[in-house]
Protein backbone atom coordinates (compact mmCIF):
# COMPACT_ATOMS: atom_id res chain seq x y z
CA MET A 1 24.05 -5.89 20.11
CA PHE A 2 25.54 -5.76 16.77
CA LYS A 3 29.18 -7.50 16.17
CA LYS A 4 30.79 -7.81 13.12
CA ASN A 5 31.98 -11.54 12.06
CA LYS A 6 35.75 -11.73 11.75
CA ALA A 7 36.26 -15.26 12.82
CA HIS A 8 35.94 -16.88 9.18
CA GLN A 9 39.09 -14.62 8.00
CA GLN A 10 41.30 -16.83 10.48
CA PRO A 11 41.38 -20.44 9.25
CA ALA A 12 41.43 -23.01 12.28
CA LEU A 13 44.65 -25.03 12.59
CA ILE A 14 42.86 -28.03 13.39
CA SER A 15 39.29 -28.74 11.59
CA ALA A 16 37.29 -31.05 9.61
CA ILE A 17 38.57 -29.54 6.39
CA ARG A 18 42.08 -29.95 7.22
CA ASP A 19 41.50 -33.50 7.88
CA LEU A 20 40.38 -34.29 4.49
CA PRO A 21 42.97 -35.58 1.89
CA GLU A 22 44.18 -32.92 -0.14
CA LYS A 23 42.58 -33.90 -3.43
CA GLN A 24 38.98 -33.54 -1.46
CA ARG A 25 40.23 -30.42 0.00
CA ASP A 26 40.98 -28.87 -3.44
CA ARG A 27 37.83 -30.09 -4.77
CA LEU A 28 35.84 -28.56 -1.87
CA GLU A 29 37.68 -25.27 -2.60
CA HIS A 30 36.71 -25.49 -6.28
CA SER A 31 33.06 -26.22 -5.48
CA TRP A 32 30.26 -24.16 -5.47
CA ALA A 33 30.94 -23.67 -1.70
CA GLY A 34 34.36 -22.11 -2.30
CA THR A 35 32.99 -19.83 -4.82
CA PHE A 36 30.16 -18.93 -2.65
CA TYR A 37 32.40 -18.13 0.15
CA ARG A 38 34.66 -16.07 -2.01
CA GLU A 39 32.27 -14.21 -4.26
CA PHE A 40 29.47 -13.45 -1.94
CA PHE A 41 30.04 -14.45 1.64
CA SER A 42 33.09 -12.52 2.34
CA ARG A 43 31.79 -9.37 0.37
CA ILE A 44 28.84 -8.97 2.68
CA GLN A 45 28.76 -5.69 4.24
CA GLU A 46 27.43 -6.39 7.66
CA GLU A 47 27.42 -2.90 8.95
CA ILE A 48 24.10 -2.24 6.53
CA PHE A 49 22.22 -4.57 8.94
CA SER A 50 23.64 -2.98 11.93
CA VAL A 51 20.45 -0.80 12.31
CA LEU A 52 18.46 -3.99 13.30
CA TYR A 53 20.40 -4.57 16.61
CA SER A 54 20.24 -2.55 19.85
CA ASP A 55 23.39 -0.26 20.75
CA LYS A 56 23.17 -1.07 24.16
CA PRO A 57 25.68 -3.40 25.49
CA SER A 58 24.08 -7.27 25.42
CA ARG A 59 24.71 -10.39 24.12
CA PRO A 60 26.51 -10.23 20.60
CA ASN A 61 24.20 -11.34 17.65
CA VAL A 62 24.58 -14.40 15.62
CA PRO A 63 26.89 -13.32 12.54
CA VAL A 64 24.80 -11.36 9.95
CA ASN A 65 26.80 -12.56 7.07
CA VAL A 66 25.74 -16.04 8.06
CA LEU A 67 22.04 -15.59 8.46
CA VAL A 68 22.30 -13.69 5.07
CA GLY A 69 24.08 -16.51 3.40
CA LEU A 70 21.64 -19.14 4.86
CA GLU A 71 18.77 -17.33 3.31
CA ALA A 72 20.56 -17.43 -0.20
CA ILE A 73 21.36 -21.35 -0.05
CA LYS A 74 17.91 -21.93 1.46
CA ALA A 75 16.21 -20.11 -1.47
CA GLY A 76 18.96 -21.43 -4.23
CA PHE A 77 18.31 -25.13 -3.19
CA GLY A 78 14.69 -24.95 -2.31
CA TRP A 79 15.23 -26.33 1.04
CA SER A 80 12.74 -26.06 4.14
CA ASP A 81 13.96 -24.52 7.45
CA GLU A 82 14.52 -27.81 8.86
CA GLU A 83 16.50 -28.91 5.67
CA LEU A 84 18.39 -25.85 5.64
CA TYR A 85 19.50 -26.33 9.45
CA ASP A 86 20.52 -30.22 8.95
CA ALA A 87 22.46 -28.84 6.10
CA PHE A 88 24.01 -26.16 8.29
CA ALA A 89 24.85 -28.55 10.99
CA TYR A 90 26.31 -31.64 9.02
CA ASN A 91 27.23 -30.48 5.41
CA LEU A 92 30.62 -29.59 4.88
CA GLN A 93 30.14 -27.91 1.85
CA VAL A 94 27.39 -25.41 3.23
CA ARG A 95 29.71 -24.89 6.23
CA HIS A 96 32.55 -24.16 4.10
CA ALA A 97 30.50 -21.63 2.31
CA LEU A 98 29.56 -19.79 5.64
CA GLY A 99 33.13 -19.63 6.68
CA TYR A 100 33.07 -22.71 9.06
CA ASP A 101 35.98 -25.12 9.19
CA ARG A 102 35.04 -27.04 12.02
CA LEU A 103 31.63 -28.96 13.06
CA GLY A 104 29.68 -27.47 16.04
CA ASP A 105 31.15 -23.82 15.26
CA GLY A 106 28.33 -21.04 15.05
CA GLU A 107 25.59 -23.25 16.40
CA PHE A 108 22.29 -21.48 16.97
CA GLU A 109 18.57 -22.03 17.40
CA ILE A 110 16.65 -21.99 14.45
CA ARG A 111 14.18 -19.52 15.50
CA THR A 112 17.06 -17.06 15.25
CA LEU A 113 16.52 -17.28 11.50
CA TYR A 114 12.79 -16.28 12.22
CA TYR A 115 13.76 -13.50 14.32
CA PHE A 116 16.22 -12.12 11.70
CA GLN A 117 13.46 -12.25 8.95
CA GLN A 118 10.96 -10.49 11.20
CA ARG A 119 13.60 -7.72 12.06
CA LEU A 120 14.15 -7.22 8.25
CA SER A 121 10.43 -6.99 7.58
CA GLU A 122 9.51 -4.61 10.31
CA TYR A 123 12.56 -2.13 9.24
CA ASN A 124 11.14 -2.35 5.68
CA MET A 125 7.73 -1.31 6.96
CA LYS A 126 9.07 1.43 8.88
CA HIS A 127 11.72 3.01 6.44
CA GLY A 128 10.77 1.42 3.07
CA GLU A 129 13.92 -0.11 2.60
CA ASN A 130 14.89 -3.75 2.06
CA LEU A 131 18.27 -4.31 3.45
CA LEU A 132 18.72 -7.82 1.69
CA GLU A 133 18.23 -6.07 -1.77
CA LYS A 134 20.62 -3.51 -0.91
CA ALA A 135 23.23 -6.03 0.17
CA PHE A 136 22.61 -8.02 -3.04
CA GLU A 137 23.03 -5.13 -5.50
CA ASN A 138 26.19 -3.76 -3.58
CA ILE A 139 27.71 -7.24 -3.99
CA THR A 140 26.62 -7.57 -7.40
CA ASP A 141 28.13 -4.16 -8.37
CA LYS A 142 31.65 -5.46 -6.80
CA GLN A 143 31.28 -8.87 -8.89
CA ILE A 144 30.79 -6.66 -11.79
CA VAL A 145 33.81 -4.78 -11.33
CA GLU A 146 35.89 -7.55 -10.33
CA LEU A 147 34.87 -9.68 -13.31
CA LYS A 148 35.07 -6.70 -15.83
CA ILE A 149 31.50 -7.43 -16.98
CA ARG A 150 30.07 -4.82 -19.56
CA THR A 151 26.81 -3.33 -18.23
CA GLY A 152 25.85 -1.51 -21.28
CA HIS A 153 23.36 -4.06 -22.64
CA GLN A 154 21.17 -5.26 -20.34
CA ARG A 155 17.67 -7.49 -20.65
CA MET A 156 14.50 -7.64 -18.69
CA ASP A 157 11.60 -9.99 -18.31
CA SER A 158 8.77 -10.69 -15.79
CA THR A 159 7.08 -14.06 -14.73
CA GLN A 160 4.13 -14.95 -12.54
CA ILE A 161 5.16 -16.36 -9.12
CA ALA A 162 2.44 -17.68 -6.32
CA SER A 163 2.71 -17.27 -2.66
CA ASN A 164 1.95 -19.95 -0.31
CA ILE A 165 -1.82 -19.55 -0.14
CA MET A 166 -4.83 -21.89 -1.19
CA ASP A 167 -6.82 -21.42 -4.30
CA ALA A 168 -10.01 -20.84 -2.36
CA SER A 169 -13.26 -19.75 -3.91
CA ARG A 170 -15.22 -16.54 -2.92
CA LEU A 171 -17.50 -18.77 -0.77
CA HIS A 172 -14.54 -20.37 0.83
CA LEU A 173 -13.04 -16.86 1.69
CA LEU A 174 -16.53 -15.69 3.22
CA VAL A 175 -16.99 -18.52 5.36
CA GLU A 176 -13.36 -18.54 6.67
CA GLY A 177 -13.89 -14.68 7.26
CA ILE A 178 -16.91 -15.60 9.33
CA GLN A 179 -14.80 -18.32 11.48
CA ARG A 180 -12.01 -15.78 12.28
CA LEU A 181 -14.42 -13.19 13.27
CA HIS A 182 -15.99 -15.83 15.73
CA ARG A 183 -12.31 -16.85 17.00
CA ILE A 184 -11.59 -13.37 18.08
CA LEU A 185 -14.73 -12.68 20.29
CA SER A 186 -14.85 -13.40 23.96
CA PRO A 187 -17.15 -16.42 25.16
CA GLU A 188 -19.89 -14.20 26.15
CA GLU A 189 -20.39 -12.57 22.64
CA GLN A 190 -19.73 -16.11 21.06
CA LYS A 191 -22.86 -17.13 23.10
CA ARG A 192 -24.80 -14.01 22.52
CA LEU A 193 -24.20 -14.20 18.43
CA VAL A 194 -24.58 -17.88 18.28
CA GLU A 195 -27.36 -17.82 15.94
CA TRP A 196 -25.34 -16.10 13.25
CA PHE A 197 -22.32 -18.15 13.42
CA ALA A 198 -23.81 -21.61 13.83
CA PRO A 199 -24.09 -22.78 10.14
CA TYR A 200 -20.53 -21.66 9.59
CA ILE A 201 -18.43 -23.06 12.49
CA LYS A 202 -19.42 -26.94 12.38
CA ASP A 203 -16.79 -27.69 10.05
CA SER A 204 -13.86 -26.27 7.90
CA ALA A 205 -14.41 -23.50 5.61
CA GLY A 206 -13.15 -25.81 2.62
CA HIS A 207 -15.57 -28.59 3.68
CA TYR A 208 -18.55 -25.99 3.85
CA ALA A 209 -17.84 -24.66 0.34
CA TYR A 210 -17.02 -28.43 -1.09
CA ARG A 211 -20.70 -29.64 -0.13
CA VAL A 212 -22.26 -26.51 -2.02
CA LYS A 213 -22.81 -27.74 -5.80
CA GLY A 214 -23.94 -25.84 -8.71
CA LYS A 215 -23.99 -22.25 -9.53
CA GLU A 216 -27.56 -21.33 -8.33
CA ALA A 217 -26.78 -22.93 -4.70
CA THR A 218 -23.48 -21.13 -4.59
CA GLN A 219 -24.92 -17.82 -5.48
CA GLU A 220 -27.68 -18.28 -2.64
CA HIS A 221 -24.92 -19.25 -0.08
CA LEU A 222 -22.81 -16.27 -0.98
CA GLU A 223 -26.03 -14.13 -0.50
CA LYS A 224 -26.56 -15.63 3.14
CA ALA A 225 -22.97 -15.30 4.07
CA GLY A 226 -22.81 -11.82 2.83
CA GLN A 227 -26.15 -10.89 5.19
CA VAL A 228 -24.41 -12.80 7.83
CA LEU A 229 -21.05 -10.64 7.47
CA HIS A 230 -23.11 -7.32 7.12
CA THR A 231 -24.77 -7.91 10.33
CA LEU A 232 -21.83 -9.15 12.28
CA LEU A 233 -19.73 -6.18 11.04
CA ALA A 234 -21.98 -3.76 12.31
CA GLU A 235 -22.77 -5.37 15.57
CA LEU A 236 -18.77 -5.79 16.22
CA LYS A 237 -17.45 -2.44 15.03
CA SER A 238 -17.65 -0.44 18.29
CA VAL A 239 -15.42 -2.89 20.16
CA TYR A 240 -13.36 -4.56 17.23
CA GLU A 241 -13.01 -1.94 14.65
CA THR A 242 -9.15 -1.64 15.21
CA HIS A 243 -8.52 -5.51 15.25
CA GLU A 244 -6.41 -6.73 12.43
CA VAL A 245 -9.03 -9.64 11.57
CA TYR A 246 -11.83 -7.05 11.53
CA GLY A 247 -10.28 -4.94 9.14
CA VAL A 248 -9.33 -7.77 6.69
CA VAL A 249 -12.90 -9.15 6.85
CA GLU A 250 -14.49 -5.93 6.46
CA ARG A 251 -12.44 -5.38 3.12
CA LEU A 252 -13.46 -9.13 2.01
CA PHE A 253 -17.13 -7.72 2.50
CA THR A 254 -16.66 -4.52 0.88
CA GLU A 255 -14.99 -5.86 -2.23
CA ASN A 256 -17.67 -8.67 -2.82
CA PHE A 257 -21.09 -7.10 -2.00
CA HIS A 258 -23.31 -4.23 -2.90
CA VAL A 259 -25.37 -2.69 -0.15
CA SER A 260 -28.42 -0.75 -0.81
CA ASN A 261 -30.91 0.05 2.04
CA GLU A 262 -29.57 -2.86 4.27
CA THR A 263 -30.09 -5.33 1.35
CA VAL A 264 -26.81 -7.08 0.41
CA ARG A 265 -26.27 -8.32 -3.03
CA ALA A 266 -23.21 -10.23 -4.21
CA LYS A 267 -21.18 -8.79 -6.90
CA GLU A 268 -20.84 -10.68 -10.22
CA ASN A 269 -17.30 -11.99 -10.98
CA LYS A 270 -16.91 -9.36 -13.83
CA GLU A 271 -17.31 -6.66 -11.09
CA LEU A 272 -14.56 -7.87 -8.85
CA PRO A 273 -11.40 -5.86 -9.27
CA ALA A 274 -8.10 -7.49 -9.88
CA GLY A 275 -6.59 -6.19 -6.67
CA CYS A 276 -9.60 -7.71 -4.44
CA LEU A 277 -8.55 -10.17 -1.71
CA GLN A 278 -7.29 -13.47 -2.63
CA SER A 279 -6.25 -14.86 0.69
CA LEU A 280 -7.00 -13.71 4.41
CA ASP A 281 -3.42 -14.68 5.10
CA ASP A 282 -1.70 -12.79 2.05
CA LEU A 283 -3.29 -9.32 1.80
CA GLU A 284 -1.04 -8.28 -1.08
CA ALA A 285 -1.88 -11.07 -3.63
CA THR A 286 -3.86 -10.03 -6.56
CA TYR A 287 -5.64 -11.75 -9.38
CA ARG A 288 -4.43 -11.62 -12.94
CA THR A 289 -5.55 -13.00 -16.24
CA LYS A 290 -2.73 -13.59 -18.92
CA GLY A 291 -3.36 -15.23 -22.27
CA THR A 292 -5.33 -18.34 -21.35
CA GLY A 293 -3.89 -18.61 -17.82
CA HIS A 294 -5.35 -17.32 -14.49
CA TYR A 295 -3.20 -16.52 -11.64
CA LYS A 296 -3.10 -15.63 -8.22
CA GLY A 297 -0.07 -14.00 -6.37
CA TYR A 298 2.84 -11.62 -7.89
CA VAL A 299 4.91 -10.87 -10.42
CA ALA A 300 8.69 -10.96 -10.40
CA ASN A 301 10.71 -8.92 -12.84
CA VAL A 302 14.28 -9.69 -13.67
CA THR A 303 17.27 -7.53 -15.19
CA GLU A 304 20.46 -9.06 -16.24
CA THR A 305 23.40 -8.09 -18.33
CA CYS A 306 23.68 -9.33 -21.78
CA ASP A 307 26.72 -7.96 -23.78
CA PRO A 308 27.83 -10.53 -26.26
CA GLN A 309 31.22 -9.90 -25.26
CA ASN A 310 30.73 -10.77 -21.37
CA ASP A 311 32.10 -14.27 -20.59
CA VAL A 312 29.54 -14.35 -17.63
CA GLN A 313 26.37 -12.50 -17.45
CA LEU A 314 24.92 -11.62 -13.94
CA ILE A 315 21.52 -10.71 -12.76
CA THR A 316 21.62 -6.93 -11.76
CA LYS A 317 17.80 -6.50 -10.36
CA VAL A 318 15.17 -8.36 -9.00
CA GLN A 319 11.54 -6.75 -8.34
CA VAL A 320 8.37 -8.18 -7.02
CA ALA A 321 4.98 -6.55 -7.08
CA PRO A 322 1.30 -7.82 -6.89
CA ASN A 323 0.68 -9.53 -10.32
CA ASN A 324 -1.97 -6.85 -11.70
CA THR A 325 1.08 -4.30 -11.89
CA GLU A 326 2.05 -3.57 -15.50
CA ASP A 327 5.51 -4.33 -16.78
CA SER A 328 5.81 -0.54 -17.94
CA HIS A 329 5.43 0.33 -14.38
CA LEU A 330 8.08 -2.19 -13.07
CA LEU A 331 10.61 -0.66 -15.89
CA LYS A 332 9.88 2.62 -14.70
CA GLU A 333 10.52 1.84 -11.09
CA ALA A 334 13.75 0.13 -11.98
CA LEU A 335 15.31 2.53 -14.47
CA PRO A 336 16.61 5.13 -12.10
CA ASN A 337 18.40 2.41 -9.88
CA LEU A 338 20.22 0.71 -12.65
CA LYS A 339 21.29 3.75 -14.32
CA GLU A 340 22.73 4.76 -11.22
CA ARG A 341 24.51 1.28 -10.46
CA THR A 342 25.44 0.35 -13.97
CA GLN A 343 26.46 1.90 -17.18
CA LEU A 344 23.19 0.90 -18.67
CA GLU A 345 22.95 2.24 -22.40
CA THR A 346 20.41 -0.17 -24.27
CA LEU A 347 17.85 -2.20 -22.57
CA ILE A 348 16.14 -5.26 -24.38
CA THR A 349 12.33 -6.06 -23.41
CA ASP A 350 9.36 -7.57 -24.98
CA GLY A 351 6.67 -5.76 -26.07
CA ALA A 352 4.67 -5.07 -22.69
CA TYR A 353 7.04 -2.49 -21.15
CA PRO A 354 7.10 0.59 -23.38
CA SER A 355 4.48 3.27 -22.61
CA PRO A 356 4.37 7.15 -23.24
CA THR A 357 5.53 7.87 -19.74
CA ASN A 358 8.69 5.37 -20.15
CA ASP A 359 9.54 7.01 -23.31
CA GLU A 360 10.00 10.16 -21.55
CA GLU A 361 12.03 8.54 -18.69
CA LEU A 362 14.35 6.66 -21.18
CA ARG A 363 15.11 9.68 -22.89
CA GLN A 364 15.98 11.34 -19.54
CA HIS A 365 18.12 8.74 -18.64
CA THR A 366 19.76 8.26 -22.18
CA VAL A 367 18.78 4.78 -22.34
CA HIS A 368 17.65 3.07 -25.66
CA LEU A 369 14.97 0.70 -25.64
CA ILE A 370 14.62 -2.25 -27.88
CA GLN A 371 11.68 -4.27 -27.98
CA THR A 372 11.30 -7.84 -29.46
CA GLY A 373 7.45 -7.47 -30.21
CA ILE A 374 5.18 -4.36 -31.02
CA ARG A 375 1.74 -4.16 -29.36
CA GLY A 376 -1.25 -3.30 -31.38
CA ASN A 377 -2.18 -3.83 -35.09
CA LYS A 378 0.30 -4.41 -37.54
CA PRO A 379 0.93 -1.89 -40.26
CA ASP A 380 -0.33 -2.37 -43.59
CA SER A 381 2.56 -3.84 -45.62
CA GLU A 382 1.17 -2.21 -49.00
CA ARG A 383 1.49 1.53 -47.55
CA PHE A 384 4.33 3.09 -45.97
CA ASN A 385 4.17 3.45 -42.32
CA LEU A 386 5.69 6.50 -40.21
CA SER A 387 8.59 4.12 -39.27
CA ASP A 388 9.42 4.47 -42.91
CA PHE A 389 10.12 8.17 -42.85
CA ARG A 390 13.48 9.34 -41.30
CA ILE A 391 12.72 11.74 -38.77
CA GLU A 392 15.43 13.89 -36.93
CA GLN A 393 14.83 15.13 -33.49
CA ASP A 394 16.43 17.84 -31.35
CA PRO A 395 17.91 17.27 -27.90
CA GLN A 396 14.53 17.38 -26.22
CA GLY A 397 12.98 14.70 -28.31
CA ASN A 398 10.80 17.04 -30.61
CA PRO A 399 10.88 16.44 -34.17
CA ILE A 400 12.42 19.04 -36.48
CA CYS A 401 12.90 17.56 -39.84
CA ALA A 402 11.31 14.60 -41.90
CA THR A 403 12.57 12.82 -44.84
CA CYS A 404 10.12 10.54 -47.13
CA PRO A 405 11.39 7.18 -48.38
CA ASN A 406 12.09 8.72 -51.90
CA GLY A 407 14.57 11.31 -50.23
CA GLN A 408 12.36 14.45 -50.05
CA SER A 409 12.76 16.25 -47.24
CA ALA A 410 10.47 18.93 -45.05
CA LEU A 411 10.53 20.94 -41.88
CA VAL A 412 8.40 19.42 -39.23
CA THR A 413 5.95 21.97 -37.19
CA HIS A 414 4.05 21.84 -34.06
CA GLY A 415 0.26 21.80 -34.72
CA THR A 416 -2.13 22.88 -32.53
CA ARG A 417 -4.86 20.19 -32.94
CA SER A 418 -2.85 17.13 -34.84
CA GLY A 419 0.31 17.23 -32.75
CA TRP A 420 3.28 17.65 -35.48
CA PHE A 421 3.00 17.77 -39.15
CA ALA A 422 5.28 18.12 -42.41
CA ARG A 423 4.39 19.53 -45.75
CA PHE A 424 6.51 18.17 -48.64
CA PRO A 425 7.05 20.29 -51.85
CA VAL A 426 4.52 19.42 -54.80
CA GLU A 427 7.27 19.28 -57.34
CA GLY A 428 8.63 15.91 -55.78
CA CYS A 429 5.37 14.44 -54.60
CA SER A 430 3.34 14.74 -57.55
CA THR A 431 5.72 12.72 -59.99
CA CYS A 432 6.85 10.26 -57.02
CA LEU A 433 6.11 6.50 -58.02
CA PHE A 434 5.26 5.78 -54.55
CA GLN A 435 2.73 8.57 -54.56
CA LEU A 436 1.33 7.62 -57.87
CA SER A 437 0.92 3.85 -56.78
CA LYS A 438 -0.67 5.24 -53.53
CA GLN A 439 1.85 3.83 -51.23
CA CYS A 440 2.71 6.97 -49.44
CA ARG A 441 0.80 8.36 -46.64
CA ALA A 442 1.39 11.84 -47.29
CA LYS A 443 -1.58 13.52 -49.22
CA SER A 444 -2.45 16.86 -50.68
CA GLN A 445 -4.66 19.45 -49.18
CA LYS A 446 -7.57 21.42 -50.66
CA ARG A 447 -6.11 24.70 -49.51
CA ASP A 448 -2.60 23.92 -49.80
CA PRO A 449 -1.30 21.78 -52.82
CA ARG A 450 1.66 20.55 -50.65
CA TYR A 451 1.63 17.19 -49.55
CA PHE A 452 0.77 16.61 -45.95
CA ILE A 453 1.62 14.10 -43.06
CA ASP A 454 0.73 14.62 -39.28
CA PHE A 455 1.53 12.49 -36.26
CA THR A 456 1.85 12.51 -32.49
CA LEU A 457 4.98 12.24 -30.43
CA GLN A 458 3.47 8.73 -29.04
CA GLU A 459 3.20 7.50 -33.03
CA LEU A 460 6.69 8.93 -33.41
CA ARG A 461 7.97 6.79 -30.39
CA VAL A 462 6.09 3.65 -31.58
CA ALA A 463 7.59 4.15 -35.04
CA GLN A 464 11.01 4.22 -33.53
CA ARG A 465 10.61 1.29 -31.52
CA ARG A 466 9.35 -0.70 -34.86
CA LEU A 467 12.59 0.41 -36.50
CA ASP A 468 14.79 -0.88 -33.58
CA TYR A 469 12.52 -4.21 -33.49
CA LEU A 470 13.11 -4.82 -37.39
CA ALA A 471 16.80 -4.03 -36.94
CA GLN A 472 17.10 -6.65 -34.40
CA LYS A 473 15.28 -9.30 -36.22
CA LYS A 474 18.05 -8.99 -38.55
CA ASP A 475 20.53 -9.76 -36.02
CA GLU A 476 21.49 -13.33 -35.91
CA HIS A 477 21.58 -13.16 -32.20
CA ASN A 478 18.35 -12.81 -30.15
CA LEU A 479 19.83 -11.22 -26.97
CA ARG A 480 16.28 -11.27 -25.27
CA ALA A 481 15.82 -14.83 -25.44
CA ALA A 482 18.34 -16.06 -22.94
CA VAL A 483 16.64 -14.10 -20.11
CA GLU A 484 13.61 -16.57 -19.98
CA ALA A 485 16.11 -19.20 -19.19
CA THR A 486 17.31 -16.92 -16.33
CA VAL A 487 13.81 -16.47 -14.99
CA ARG A 488 13.33 -20.12 -14.91
CA SER A 489 16.47 -21.00 -12.99
CA ILE A 490 15.61 -18.50 -10.48
CA LYS A 491 11.88 -20.05 -10.15
CA HIS A 492 13.27 -23.69 -10.70
CA PRO A 493 13.95 -24.35 -6.97
CA PHE A 494 9.98 -23.69 -6.15
CA PRO A 495 7.81 -26.36 -7.84
CA ALA A 496 4.95 -24.78 -10.24
CA GLY A 497 6.45 -21.48 -9.53
CA LYS A 498 4.76 -21.47 -5.65
CA LEU A 499 7.35 -20.02 -3.10
CA PRO A 500 6.87 -21.32 0.60
CA VAL A 501 6.46 -17.93 1.77
CA ARG A 502 3.46 -15.20 1.86
CA GLY A 503 3.46 -11.33 1.23
CA ARG A 504 5.35 -9.23 -0.89
CA PHE A 505 8.39 -8.60 1.41
CA ARG A 506 9.16 -12.19 1.98
CA MET A 507 8.24 -13.04 -1.73
CA THR A 508 11.06 -10.29 -2.67
CA CYS A 509 13.49 -11.75 -0.22
CA MET A 510 13.14 -15.01 -1.62
CA MET A 511 13.54 -14.16 -5.18
CA ILE A 512 16.50 -12.15 -4.37
CA SER A 513 18.12 -15.14 -2.37
CA SER A 514 17.53 -17.42 -5.32
CA ALA A 515 18.92 -15.06 -7.79
CA ILE A 516 21.92 -14.66 -5.55
CA LEU A 517 22.73 -18.24 -5.88
CA VAL A 518 22.21 -18.17 -9.63
CA ASN A 519 24.81 -15.50 -9.70
CA VAL A 520 27.43 -17.61 -7.67
CA ARG A 521 26.59 -20.66 -9.75
CA ARG A 522 27.35 -18.43 -13.02
CA ILE A 523 30.71 -17.28 -11.62
CA TRP A 524 31.52 -20.91 -10.61
CA ASN A 525 31.22 -22.27 -14.12
CA TYR A 526 32.93 -19.51 -15.39
CA GLN A 527 35.92 -19.89 -13.00
CA THR A 528 35.99 -23.55 -13.51
CA LYS A 529 36.04 -23.33 -17.24
CA ASN A 530 38.87 -20.73 -17.06
CA ALA A 531 40.99 -22.95 -14.77
CA ALA A 532 40.50 -26.10 -17.14
CA LYS A 533 41.54 -23.81 -20.16
CA GLU A 534 44.66 -22.43 -18.21
CA SER A 535 45.59 -25.98 -17.13
CA GLY A 536 44.92 -27.65 -20.64
CA GLU A 537 42.31 -29.95 -19.47
CA THR A 538 39.30 -30.79 -21.41
CA ASP A 539 35.80 -29.91 -20.23
CA PRO A 540 34.74 -32.88 -17.78
CA LEU A 541 31.37 -33.37 -19.57
CA SER A 542 33.06 -33.40 -23.12
CA SER A 543 35.52 -35.97 -21.73
CA CYS A 544 32.71 -38.23 -20.24
CA LEU A 545 30.84 -38.15 -23.80
CA PHE A 546 34.02 -38.98 -25.57
CA SER A 547 34.71 -41.63 -23.19
CA PHE A 548 30.99 -42.96 -23.84
CA CYS A 549 31.34 -42.86 -27.70
CA GLN A 550 34.40 -44.87 -27.89
CA LYS A 551 32.98 -47.44 -25.81
CA PHE A 552 29.82 -47.69 -27.76
CA VAL A 553 31.71 -47.69 -31.14
CA ALA A 554 34.11 -50.34 -29.83
CA GLN A 555 31.08 -52.69 -28.78
CA PHE A 556 28.81 -52.43 -31.72
CA PHE A 557 31.24 -51.33 -34.71
CA PRO A 558 34.41 -52.58 -36.00
CA THR A 559 37.50 -51.48 -34.42
CA ARG A 560 38.64 -49.65 -37.62
CA LEU A 561 35.99 -47.08 -36.95
CA ILE A 562 37.26 -46.07 -33.40
CA PRO A 563 40.01 -43.61 -34.51
CA ILE A 564 37.39 -41.65 -35.95
CA PHE A 565 36.60 -40.16 -32.50
CA ARG A 566 40.24 -39.39 -31.64
């Protein structure tokens, strides 16, 4: 039964925190734990999670805001479940962050965390809604209002993340699939099919694959394993077709083999789709080659505010998808939510996000996209590009007038074949220095002496993005660059960007939880600096550096140089 947690709103008269000296109490209150409690924990709307619990009178739940807070702390510090539970039991900062003043209060079994995660996952599968993401966005919106953060300018970037799966070869996966089929069979069926299973159940799948050396030998074993799987799947279909393991192994076989007249042939590596199965334990992880790197897992997309006038920038949205998902798709998915929740006007990204579909979406949501790189070939520097022409558009985004670099104007007309075109007067173009030096893209026609240019809407959008890109390059502040540091700060608790969970939903929850603590740390740093300014104190790091310089100079240089540092 759901019950809201209000106990933390009334501090205990006798507690471990009150027993601390005043100086230590003050330091605890102004540490990350105090900020976490005020800026995140106290803002959690527990009612959002009430749908996870029964309406019938029963034992009250462990406080939801405590469970959500533990998820954020676990991801933000990169702790295991055991480390998290120990910190909850004995770490005074963690307990203060979760609203507990006394040691021993709020005791629960660690499996309660697992049950909570399971309920979140089941609700997401049934209703398509991530309640943790909803809570994060609600709290972030309140933080934005409270701190008066401008959200008109935001930036976006993506990064590769890996789930907790083994980097297994195709042969390894196939042998593992055969072994799992064997484990779901009854003893009678195992005995009946022992000849097919015998070569693959003597040792682990990893040891089997390790002993196979060379490309030719690997190919031969792939073919044999494929033939065995083909036979077993046909033999067991009538009984085990609805079994989860059977479905996974059937997908593995289908993606890796061709079957023709009962002859099984292994597919070449280049024939395998990017979305093919990478692990029998994570069915949503995919394969992607990006630059010189090869990745198995997911892609995380992060959006944060970036207005230069903000004293602190906050992460506003976190997305996770299979890593064969294009960045442009992630932008399209995030745009309606960002526009609804924030006052988004300008979005800054790299060159992978724009697309013809997104151009229309951005126009409908009145969001200006600035990209810091343009895909495709660079324009000829010796000739004018479409971006050198000033083209006016109507409210629907259709071009209506074009002005050349020399100031000549012409109406733009919609053509039946070539998209849009404009014809410039002969008088101005025939004597134009740009035309005489063959720099201009406008050309005269055989039947019509006027000078003609044509373009598509897609070419026009690219030209506009190029203009924005060039204008942004002239600005001394590269607003997009800092988002890469944000991405790193979210991934930092996880060595090599590998999360200790599997599956898209759990990966999403962990990345959101890590982003929660990144926001809390930023607010904490901002409030600490503000408090120092108001009290006239210097920054602790600067004071430490100043003290070190004084001691260094006093030891190695004459005393008369010391005043330089004062």
